[in-house]
PDB file of all heavy atoms in Angstrom:
ATOM      1  N   ARG A   1      26.063 -29.599  22.586  1.00  0.00           N
ATOM      2  CA  ARG A   1      27.425 -29.887  23.019  1.00  0.00           C
ATOM      3  C   ARG A   1      28.219 -28.591  23.061  1.00  0.00           C
ATOM      4  O   ARG A   1      27.907 -27.644  22.344  1.00  0.00           O
ATOM      5  CB  ARG A   1      28.096 -30.874  22.040  1.00  0.00           C
ATOM      6  CG  ARG A   1      27.521 -32.264  22.130  1.00  0.00           C
ATOM      7  CD  ARG A   1      27.722 -33.108  20.900  1.00  0.00           C
ATOM      8  NE  ARG A   1      29.088 -33.334  20.479  1.00  0.00           N
ATOM      9  CZ  ARG A   1      29.394 -34.042  19.381  1.00  0.00           C
ATOM     10  NH1 ARG A   1      28.448 -34.587  18.626  1.00  0.00           N
ATOM     11  NH2 ARG A   1      30.644 -34.206  19.028  1.00  0.00           N
ATOM     12  N   TRP A   2      29.215 -28.559  23.891  1.00  0.00           N
ATOM     13  CA  TRP A   2      30.178 -27.446  23.958  1.00  0.00           C
ATOM     14  C   TRP A   2      31.423 -27.955  23.256  1.00  0.00           C
ATOM     15  O   TRP A   2      32.175 -28.758  23.797  1.00  0.00           O
ATOM     16  CB  TRP A   2      30.454 -27.099  25.410  1.00  0.00           C
ATOM     17  CG  TRP A   2      31.352 -25.915  25.600  1.00  0.00           C
ATOM     18  CD1 TRP A   2      32.696 -25.946  25.837  1.00  0.00           C
ATOM     19  CD2 TRP A   2      30.984 -24.538  25.593  1.00  0.00           C
ATOM     20  NE1 TRP A   2      33.193 -24.676  25.966  1.00  0.00           N
ATOM     21  CE2 TRP A   2      32.159 -23.790  25.828  1.00  0.00           C
ATOM     22  CE3 TRP A   2      29.784 -23.864  25.395  1.00  0.00           C
ATOM     23  CZ2 TRP A   2      32.170 -22.405  25.878  1.00  0.00           C
ATOM     24  CZ3 TRP A   2      29.797 -22.484  25.449  1.00  0.00           C
ATOM     25  CH2 TRP A   2      30.965 -21.761  25.686  1.00  0.00           C
ATOM     26  N   VAL A   3      31.608 -27.511  21.992  1.00  0.00           N
ATOM     27  CA  VAL A   3      32.696 -28.022  21.160  1.00  0.00           C
ATOM     28  C   VAL A   3      33.581 -26.854  20.746  1.00  0.00           C
ATOM     29  O   VAL A   3      33.109 -25.894  20.136  1.00  0.00           O
ATOM     30  CB  VAL A   3      32.153 -28.742  19.902  1.00  0.00           C
ATOM     31  CG1 VAL A   3      33.293 -29.232  19.028  1.00  0.00           C
ATOM     32  CG2 VAL A   3      31.222 -29.881  20.290  1.00  0.00           C
ATOM     33  N   LYS A   4      34.866 -26.964  21.086  1.00  0.00           N
ATOM     34  CA  LYS A   4      35.834 -25.932  20.717  1.00  0.00           C
ATOM     35  C   LYS A   4      36.975 -26.551  19.927  1.00  0.00           C
ATOM     36  O   LYS A   4      37.509 -27.592  20.300  1.00  0.00           O
ATOM     37  CB  LYS A   4      36.388 -25.236  21.959  1.00  0.00           C
ATOM     38  CG  LYS A   4      35.379 -24.319  22.624  1.00  0.00           C
ATOM     39  CD  LYS A   4      35.834 -23.756  23.952  1.00  0.00           C
ATOM     40  CE  LYS A   4      37.165 -23.121  23.977  1.00  0.00           C
ATOM     41  NZ  LYS A   4      37.548 -22.581  25.285  1.00  0.00           N
ATOM     42  N   VAL A   5      37.337 -25.896  18.824  1.00  0.00           N
ATOM     43  CA  VAL A   5      38.485 -26.265  18.009  1.00  0.00           C
ATOM     44  C   VAL A   5      39.349 -25.027  17.828  1.00  0.00           C
ATOM     45  O   VAL A   5      38.857 -23.900  17.904  1.00  0.00           O
ATOM     46  CB  VAL A   5      38.074 -26.848  16.629  1.00  0.00           C
ATOM     47  CG1 VAL A   5      37.281 -28.135  16.784  1.00  0.00           C
ATOM     48  CG2 VAL A   5      37.283 -25.827  15.810  1.00  0.00           C
ATOM     49  N   ALA A   6      40.654 -25.252  17.574  1.00  0.00           N
ATOM     50  CA  ALA A   6      41.564 -24.124  17.383  1.00  0.00           C
ATOM     51  C   ALA A   6      42.743 -24.553  16.537  1.00  0.00           C
ATOM     52  O   ALA A   6      43.120 -25.726  16.527  1.00  0.00           O
ATOM     53  CB  ALA A   6      42.057 -23.605  18.734  1.00  0.00           C
ATOM     54  N   PRO A   7      43.354 -23.600  15.835  1.00  0.00           N
ATOM     55  CA  PRO A   7      44.557 -23.913  15.071  1.00  0.00           C
ATOM     56  C   PRO A   7      45.688 -24.340  16.000  1.00  0.00           C
ATOM     57  O   PRO A   7      45.757 -23.906  17.157  1.00  0.00           O
ATOM     58  CB  PRO A   7      44.911 -22.586  14.390  1.00  0.00           C
ATOM     59  CG  PRO A   7      43.745 -21.701  14.554  1.00  0.00           C
ATOM     60  CD  PRO A   7      42.962 -22.201  15.721  1.00  0.00           C
ATOM     61  N   GLU A   8      46.574 -25.171  15.484  1.00  0.00           N
ATOM     62  CA  GLU A   8      47.738 -25.632  16.253  1.00  0.00           C
ATOM     63  C   GLU A   8      48.582 -24.464  16.753  1.00  0.00           C
ATOM     64  O   GLU A   8      49.166 -24.535  17.820  1.00  0.00           O
ATOM     65  CB  GLU A   8      48.602 -26.573  15.409  1.00  0.00           C
ATOM     66  CG  GLU A   8      48.014 -27.947  15.234  1.00  0.00           C
ATOM     67  CD  GLU A   8      48.023 -28.790  16.495  1.00  0.00           C
ATOM     68  OE1 GLU A   8      48.825 -28.541  17.417  1.00  0.00           O
ATOM     69  OE2 GLU A   8      47.211 -29.722  16.553  1.00  0.00           O
ATOM     70  N   GLY A   9      48.652 -23.402  15.971  1.00  0.00           N
ATOM     71  CA  GLY A   9      49.505 -22.268  16.314  1.00  0.00           C
ATOM     72  C   GLY A   9      48.948 -21.340  17.375  1.00  0.00           C
ATOM     73  O   GLY A   9      49.583 -20.380  17.757  1.00  0.00           O
ATOM     74  N   GLY A  10      47.737 -21.610  17.853  1.00  0.00           N
ATOM     75  CA  GLY A  10      47.144 -20.768  18.887  1.00  0.00           C
ATOM     76  C   GLY A  10      46.184 -19.746  18.315  1.00  0.00           C
ATOM     77  O   GLY A  10      45.784 -19.807  17.163  1.00  0.00           O
ATOM     78  N   GLY A  11      45.812 -18.796  19.139  1.00  0.00           N
ATOM     79  CA  GLY A  11      44.824 -17.797  18.774  1.00  0.00           C
ATOM     80  C   GLY A  11      43.457 -18.176  19.306  1.00  0.00           C
ATOM     81  O   GLY A  11      43.309 -19.120  20.083  1.00  0.00           O
ATOM     82  N   ALA A  12      42.460 -17.440  18.911  1.00  0.00           N
ATOM     83  CA  ALA A  12      41.100 -17.687  19.375  1.00  0.00           C
ATOM     84  C   ALA A  12      40.584 -19.028  18.867  1.00  0.00           C
ATOM     85  O   ALA A  12      40.919 -19.470  17.773  1.00  0.00           O
ATOM     86  CB  ALA A  12      40.174 -16.571  18.913  1.00  0.00           C
ATOM     87  N   ALA A  13      39.769 -19.666  19.690  1.00  0.00           N
ATOM     88  CA  ALA A  13      39.132 -20.927  19.310  1.00  0.00           C
ATOM     89  C   ALA A  13      37.808 -20.641  18.615  1.00  0.00           C
ATOM     90  O   ALA A  13      37.243 -19.555  18.749  1.00  0.00           O
ATOM     91  CB  ALA A  13      38.878 -21.772  20.561  1.00  0.00           C
ATOM     92  N   LEU A  14      37.335 -21.619  17.868  1.00  0.00           N
ATOM     93  CA  LEU A  14      35.982 -21.573  17.333  1.00  0.00           C
ATOM     94  C   LEU A  14      35.104 -22.429  18.226  1.00  0.00           C
ATOM     95  O   LEU A  14      35.442 -23.578  18.524  1.00  0.00           O
ATOM     96  CB  LEU A  14      35.930 -22.119  15.904  1.00  0.00           C
ATOM     97  CG  LEU A  14      36.645 -21.318  14.834  1.00  0.00           C
ATOM     98  CD1 LEU A  14      36.494 -22.016  13.478  1.00  0.00           C
ATOM     99  CD2 LEU A  14      36.108 -19.892  14.757  1.00  0.00           C
ATOM    100  N   LEU A  15      33.990 -21.869  18.652  1.00  0.00           N
ATOM    101  CA  LEU A  15      32.986 -22.620  19.384  1.00  0.00           C
ATOM    102  C   LEU A  15      31.981 -23.105  18.352  1.00  0.00           C
ATOM    103  O   LEU A  15      31.254 -22.302  17.760  1.00  0.00           O
ATOM    104  CB  LEU A  15      32.300 -21.743  20.424  1.00  0.00           C
ATOM    105  CG  LEU A  15      31.155 -22.400  21.182  1.00  0.00           C
ATOM    106  CD1 LEU A  15      31.668 -23.555  22.042  1.00  0.00           C
ATOM    107  CD2 LEU A  15      30.419 -21.382  22.023  1.00  0.00           C
ATOM    108  N   LEU A  16      31.998 -24.397  18.070  1.00  0.00           N
ATOM    109  CA  LEU A  16      31.096 -24.957  17.069  1.00  0.00           C
ATOM    110  C   LEU A  16      29.708 -25.072  17.678  1.00  0.00           C
ATOM    111  O   LEU A  16      29.511 -25.800  18.651  1.00  0.00           O
ATOM    112  CB  LEU A  16      31.603 -26.325  16.596  1.00  0.00           C
ATOM    113  CG  LEU A  16      33.032 -26.353  16.057  1.00  0.00           C
ATOM    114  CD1 LEU A  16      33.384 -27.753  15.569  1.00  0.00           C
ATOM    115  CD2 LEU A  16      33.238 -25.319  14.962  1.00  0.00           C
ATOM    116  N   ALA A  17      28.766 -24.341  17.126  1.00  0.00           N
ATOM    117  CA  ALA A  17      27.407 -24.284  17.653  1.00  0.00           C
ATOM    118  C   ALA A  17      26.439 -24.835  16.619  1.00  0.00           C
ATOM    119  O   ALA A  17      26.345 -24.295  15.510  1.00  0.00           O
ATOM    120  CB  ALA A  17      27.038 -22.853  18.007  1.00  0.00           C
ATOM    121  N   LYS A  18      25.739 -25.906  16.983  1.00  0.00           N
ATOM    122  CA  LYS A  18      24.766 -26.485  16.059  1.00  0.00           C
ATOM    123  C   LYS A  18      23.601 -25.522  15.903  1.00  0.00           C
ATOM    124  O   LYS A  18      22.977 -25.103  16.875  1.00  0.00           O
ATOM    125  CB  LYS A  18      24.273 -27.838  16.574  1.00  0.00           C
ATOM    126  CG  LYS A  18      23.385 -28.543  15.583  1.00  0.00           C
ATOM    127  CD  LYS A  18      23.048 -29.939  16.053  1.00  0.00           C
ATOM    128  CE  LYS A  18      22.123 -30.612  15.056  1.00  0.00           C
ATOM    129  NZ  LYS A  18      21.741 -31.954  15.510  1.00  0.00           N
ATOM    130  N   ALA A  19      23.328 -25.170  14.650  1.00  0.00           N
ATOM    131  CA  ALA A  19      22.280 -24.191  14.357  1.00  0.00           C
ATOM    132  C   ALA A  19      20.906 -24.739  14.744  1.00  0.00           C
ATOM    133  O   ALA A  19      20.569 -25.878  14.426  1.00  0.00           O
ATOM    134  CB  ALA A  19      22.294 -23.838  12.874  1.00  0.00           C
ATOM    135  N   ALA A  20      20.138 -23.920  15.436  1.00  0.00           N
ATOM    136  CA  ALA A  20      18.742 -24.237  15.713  1.00  0.00           C
ATOM    137  C   ALA A  20      17.959 -24.019  14.416  1.00  0.00           C
ATOM    138  O   ALA A  20      18.477 -23.449  13.447  1.00  0.00           O
ATOM    139  CB  ALA A  20      18.220 -23.332  16.822  1.00  0.00           C
ATOM    140  N   ASP A  21      16.731 -24.493  14.382  1.00  0.00           N
ATOM    141  CA  ASP A  21      15.915 -24.411  13.162  1.00  0.00           C
ATOM    142  C   ASP A  21      15.909 -23.020  12.535  1.00  0.00           C
ATOM    143  O   ASP A  21      16.083 -22.880  11.330  1.00  0.00           O
ATOM    144  CB  ASP A  21      14.475 -24.857  13.448  1.00  0.00           C
ATOM    145  CG  ASP A  21      14.380 -26.337  13.764  1.00  0.00           C
ATOM    146  OD1 ASP A  21      15.283 -27.095  13.362  1.00  0.00           O
ATOM    147  OD2 ASP A  21      13.401 -26.727  14.421  1.00  0.00           O
ATOM    148  N   ASP A  22      15.724 -21.985  13.335  1.00  0.00           N
ATOM    149  CA  ASP A  22      15.650 -20.625  12.796  1.00  0.00           C
ATOM    150  C   ASP A  22      17.011 -20.066  12.403  1.00  0.00           C
ATOM    151  O   ASP A  22      17.103 -19.011  11.795  1.00  0.00           O
ATOM    152  CB  ASP A  22      14.939 -19.696  13.778  1.00  0.00           C
ATOM    153  CG  ASP A  22      15.632 -19.596  15.121  1.00  0.00           C
ATOM    154  OD1 ASP A  22      16.331 -20.553  15.516  1.00  0.00           O
ATOM    155  OD2 ASP A  22      15.471 -18.558  15.794  1.00  0.00           O
ATOM    156  N   GLN A  23      18.091 -20.772  12.739  1.00  0.00           N
ATOM    157  CA  GLN A  23      19.445 -20.331  12.392  1.00  0.00           C
ATOM    158  C   GLN A  23      20.022 -21.086  11.209  1.00  0.00           C
ATOM    159  O   GLN A  23      21.063 -20.711  10.687  1.00  0.00           O
ATOM    160  CB  GLN A  23      20.376 -20.539  13.599  1.00  0.00           C
ATOM    161  CG  GLN A  23      19.958 -19.772  14.822  1.00  0.00           C
ATOM    162  CD  GLN A  23      20.669 -20.262  16.069  1.00  0.00           C
ATOM    163  OE1 GLN A  23      21.176 -21.376  16.119  1.00  0.00           O
ATOM    164  NE2 GLN A  23      20.682 -19.431  17.101  1.00  0.00           N
ATOM    165  N   ALA A  24      19.362 -22.140  10.766  1.00  0.00           N
ATOM    166  CA  ALA A  24      19.918 -23.035   9.739  1.00  0.00           C
ATOM    167  C   ALA A  24      20.291 -22.297   8.460  1.00  0.00           C
ATOM    168  O   ALA A  24      21.298 -22.622   7.830  1.00  0.00           O
ATOM    169  CB  ALA A  24      18.939 -24.164   9.445  1.00  0.00           C
ATOM    170  N   ALA A  25      19.515 -21.307   8.066  1.00  0.00           N
ATOM    171  CA  ALA A  25      19.799 -20.568   6.830  1.00  0.00           C
ATOM    172  C   ALA A  25      21.078 -19.744   6.930  1.00  0.00           C
ATOM    173  O   ALA A  25      21.644 -19.351   5.910  1.00  0.00           O
ATOM    174  CB  ALA A  25      18.624 -19.661   6.476  1.00  0.00           C
ATOM    175  N   SER A  26      21.555 -19.504   8.133  1.00  0.00           N
ATOM    176  CA  SER A  26      22.775 -18.709   8.322  1.00  0.00           C
ATOM    177  C   SER A  26      24.053 -19.533   8.263  1.00  0.00           C
ATOM    178  O   SER A  26      25.147 -18.973   8.180  1.00  0.00           O
ATOM    179  CB  SER A  26      22.714 -17.978   9.663  1.00  0.00           C
ATOM    180  OG  SER A  26      21.648 -17.054   9.674  1.00  0.00           O
ATOM    181  N   VAL A  27      23.933 -20.853   8.303  1.00  0.00           N
ATOM    182  CA  VAL A  27      25.123 -21.705   8.244  1.00  0.00           C
ATOM    183  C   VAL A  27      25.815 -21.475   6.903  1.00  0.00           C
ATOM    184  O   VAL A  27      25.206 -21.549   5.844  1.00  0.00           O
ATOM    185  CB  VAL A  27      24.760 -23.198   8.427  1.00  0.00           C
ATOM    186  CG1 VAL A  27      25.976 -24.081   8.185  1.00  0.00           C
ATOM    187  CG2 VAL A  27      24.181 -23.445   9.807  1.00  0.00           C
ATOM    188  N   GLY A  28      27.091 -21.139   6.945  1.00  0.00           N
ATOM    189  CA  GLY A  28      27.864 -20.856   5.738  1.00  0.00           C
ATOM    190  C   GLY A  28      27.693 -19.440   5.218  1.00  0.00           C
ATOM    191  O   GLY A  28      28.382 -19.027   4.288  1.00  0.00           O
ATOM    192  N   ARG A  29      26.792 -18.684   5.809  1.00  0.00           N
ATOM    193  CA  ARG A  29      26.552 -17.311   5.362  1.00  0.00           C
ATOM    194  C   ARG A  29      26.616 -16.337   6.535  1.00  0.00           C
ATOM    195  O   ARG A  29      25.956 -15.299   6.534  1.00  0.00           O
ATOM    196  CB  ARG A  29      25.197 -17.205   4.670  1.00  0.00           C
ATOM    197  CG  ARG A  29      25.123 -18.045   3.412  1.00  0.00           C
ATOM    198  CD  ARG A  29      24.143 -17.555   2.369  1.00  0.00           C
ATOM    199  NE  ARG A  29      24.000 -16.131   2.221  1.00  0.00           N
ATOM    200  CZ  ARG A  29      24.796 -15.337   1.483  1.00  0.00           C
ATOM    201  NH1 ARG A  29      25.828 -15.826   0.859  1.00  0.00           N
ATOM    202  NH2 ARG A  29      24.550 -14.050   1.386  1.00  0.00           N
ATOM    203  N   GLN A  30      27.392 -16.690   7.524  1.00  0.00           N
ATOM    204  CA  GLN A  30      27.454 -15.866   8.727  1.00  0.00           C
ATOM    205  C   GLN A  30      27.993 -14.467   8.462  1.00  0.00           C
ATOM    206  O   GLN A  30      27.730 -13.550   9.231  1.00  0.00           O
ATOM    207  CB  GLN A  30      28.310 -16.572   9.788  1.00  0.00           C
ATOM    208  CG  GLN A  30      27.646 -17.863  10.246  1.00  0.00           C
ATOM    209  CD  GLN A  30      28.497 -18.617  11.227  1.00  0.00           C
ATOM    210  OE1 GLN A  30      28.506 -18.294  12.406  1.00  0.00           O
ATOM    211  NE2 GLN A  30      29.221 -19.623  10.745  1.00  0.00           N
ATOM    212  N   ALA A  31      28.723 -14.301   7.373  1.00  0.00           N
ATOM    213  CA  ALA A  31      29.273 -12.980   7.028  1.00  0.00           C
ATOM    214  C   ALA A  31      28.653 -12.447   5.743  1.00  0.00           C
ATOM    215  O   ALA A  31      29.219 -11.556   5.111  1.00  0.00           O
ATOM    216  CB  ALA A  31      30.778 -13.049   6.912  1.00  0.00           C
ATOM    217  N   GLY A  32      27.525 -13.002   5.324  1.00  0.00           N
ATOM    218  CA  GLY A  32      26.839 -12.493   4.146  1.00  0.00           C
ATOM    219  C   GLY A  32      27.613 -12.675   2.856  1.00  0.00           C
ATOM    220  O   GLY A  32      27.459 -11.884   1.929  1.00  0.00           O
ATOM    221  N   GLY A  33      28.447 -13.702   2.766  1.00  0.00           N
ATOM    222  CA  GLY A  33      29.211 -13.963   1.552  1.00  0.00           C
ATOM    223  C   GLY A  33      30.602 -13.359   1.528  1.00  0.00           C
ATOM    224  O   GLY A  33      31.372 -13.611   0.608  1.00  0.00           O
ATOM    225  N   ARG A  34      30.931 -12.559   2.516  1.00  0.00           N
ATOM    226  CA  ARG A  34      32.277 -11.973   2.611  1.00  0.00           C
ATOM    227  C   ARG A  34      33.220 -12.938   3.302  1.00  0.00           C
ATOM    228  O   ARG A  34      32.790 -13.848   4.003  1.00  0.00           O
ATOM    229  CB  ARG A  34      32.229 -10.680   3.430  1.00  0.00           C
ATOM    230  CG  ARG A  34      31.466  -9.560   2.760  1.00  0.00           C
ATOM    231  CD  ARG A  34      31.565  -8.317   3.607  1.00  0.00           C
ATOM    232  NE  ARG A  34      32.966  -7.919   3.727  1.00  0.00           N
ATOM    233  CZ  ARG A  34      33.456  -6.773   3.312  1.00  0.00           C
ATOM    234  NH1 ARG A  34      32.680  -5.900   2.751  1.00  0.00           N
ATOM    235  NH2 ARG A  34      34.726  -6.488   3.459  1.00  0.00           N
ATOM    236  N   VAL A  35      34.507 -12.699   3.148  1.00  0.00           N
ATOM    237  CA  VAL A  35      35.485 -13.441   3.937  1.00  0.00           C
ATOM    238  C   VAL A  35      35.277 -13.029   5.391  1.00  0.00           C
ATOM    239  O   VAL A  35      35.234 -11.846   5.716  1.00  0.00           O
ATOM    240  CB  VAL A  35      36.930 -13.123   3.489  1.00  0.00           C
ATOM    241  CG1 VAL A  35      37.936 -13.690   4.469  1.00  0.00           C
ATOM    242  CG2 VAL A  35      37.184 -13.669   2.087  1.00  0.00           C
ATOM    243  N   ALA A  36      35.137 -14.039   6.247  1.00  0.00           N
ATOM    244  CA  ALA A  36      34.868 -13.760   7.654  1.00  0.00           C
ATOM    245  C   ALA A  36      36.017 -14.153   8.562  1.00  0.00           C
ATOM    246  O   ALA A  36      36.163 -13.614   9.648  1.00  0.00           O
ATOM    247  CB  ALA A  36      33.608 -14.500   8.096  1.00  0.00           C
ATOM    248  N   TRP A  37      36.838 -15.118   8.132  1.00  0.00           N
ATOM    249  CA  TRP A  37      37.882 -15.664   8.980  1.00  0.00           C
ATOM    250  C   TRP A  37      39.213 -15.588   8.255  1.00  0.00           C
ATOM    251  O   TRP A  37      39.282 -15.766   7.045  1.00  0.00           O
ATOM    252  CB  TRP A  37      37.558 -17.105   9.371  1.00  0.00           C
ATOM    253  CG  TRP A  37      36.271 -17.172  10.130  1.00  0.00           C
ATOM    254  CD1 TRP A  37      36.096 -16.945  11.463  1.00  0.00           C
ATOM    255  CD2 TRP A  37      34.981 -17.434   9.601  1.00  0.00           C
ATOM    256  NE1 TRP A  37      34.771 -17.060  11.783  1.00  0.00           N
ATOM    257  CE2 TRP A  37      34.053 -17.358  10.657  1.00  0.00           C
ATOM    258  CE3 TRP A  37      34.499 -17.734   8.325  1.00  0.00           C
ATOM    259  CZ2 TRP A  37      32.701 -17.570  10.489  1.00  0.00           C
ATOM    260  CZ3 TRP A  37      33.145 -17.929   8.152  1.00  0.00           C
ATOM    261  CH2 TRP A  37      32.272 -17.847   9.233  1.00  0.00           C
ATOM    262  N   PHE A  38      40.262 -15.358   9.023  1.00  0.00           N
ATOM    263  CA  PHE A  38      41.589 -15.155   8.472  1.00  0.00           C
ATOM    264  C   PHE A  38      42.539 -16.106   9.174  1.00  0.00           C
ATOM    265  O   PHE A  38      42.766 -15.983  10.378  1.00  0.00           O
ATOM    266  CB  PHE A  38      42.017 -13.700   8.655  1.00  0.00           C
ATOM    267  CG  PHE A  38      41.069 -12.744   7.982  1.00  0.00           C
ATOM    268  CD1 PHE A  38      39.892 -12.349   8.611  1.00  0.00           C
ATOM    269  CD2 PHE A  38      41.328 -12.281   6.715  1.00  0.00           C
ATOM    270  CE1 PHE A  38      39.003 -11.496   7.983  1.00  0.00           C
ATOM    271  CE2 PHE A  38      40.442 -11.420   6.070  1.00  0.00           C
ATOM    272  CZ  PHE A  38      39.280 -11.031   6.712  1.00  0.00           C
ATOM    273  N   LEU A  39      43.052 -17.048   8.422  1.00  0.00           N
ATOM    274  CA  LEU A  39      43.940 -18.070   8.959  1.00  0.00           C
ATOM    275  C   LEU A  39      45.348 -17.748   8.492  1.00  0.00           C
ATOM    276  O   LEU A  39      45.654 -17.806   7.306  1.00  0.00           O
ATOM    277  CB  LEU A  39      43.495 -19.447   8.447  1.00  0.00           C
ATOM    278  CG  LEU A  39      44.072 -20.664   9.120  1.00  0.00           C
ATOM    279  CD1 LEU A  39      43.791 -20.659  10.621  1.00  0.00           C
ATOM    280  CD2 LEU A  39      43.479 -21.917   8.495  1.00  0.00           C
ATOM    281  N   GLU A  40      46.212 -17.366   9.434  1.00  0.00           N
ATOM    282  CA  GLU A  40      47.562 -16.934   9.103  1.00  0.00           C
ATOM    283  C   GLU A  40      48.526 -18.117   9.184  1.00  0.00           C
ATOM    284  O   GLU A  40      48.491 -18.889  10.142  1.00  0.00           O
ATOM    285  CB  GLU A  40      47.991 -15.828  10.062  1.00  0.00           C
ATOM    286  CG  GLU A  40      49.247 -15.120   9.642  1.00  0.00           C
ATOM    287  CD  GLU A  40      49.520 -13.908  10.504  1.00  0.00           C
ATOM    288  OE1 GLU A  40      49.514 -14.034  11.738  1.00  0.00           O
ATOM    289  OE2 GLU A  40      49.738 -12.828   9.936  1.00  0.00           O
ATOM    290  N   ALA A  41      49.359 -18.248   8.172  1.00  0.00           N
ATOM    291  CA  ALA A  41      50.341 -19.338   8.100  1.00  0.00           C
ATOM    292  C   ALA A  41      51.748 -18.762   8.128  1.00  0.00           C
ATOM    293  O   ALA A  41      52.038 -17.780   7.439  1.00  0.00           O
ATOM    294  CB  ALA A  41      50.147 -20.132   6.815  1.00  0.00           C
TER     295      ALA A  41
END
């Protein structure tokens, strides 16, 4: 599926991509444990 979500306030969207078998271990660790995303309020 082509699934996009975004904050109400605008900015870049996230394209939600279902991990293939070889990508499953990267779910939740896309930045190696560092903060990867910054949500400004």
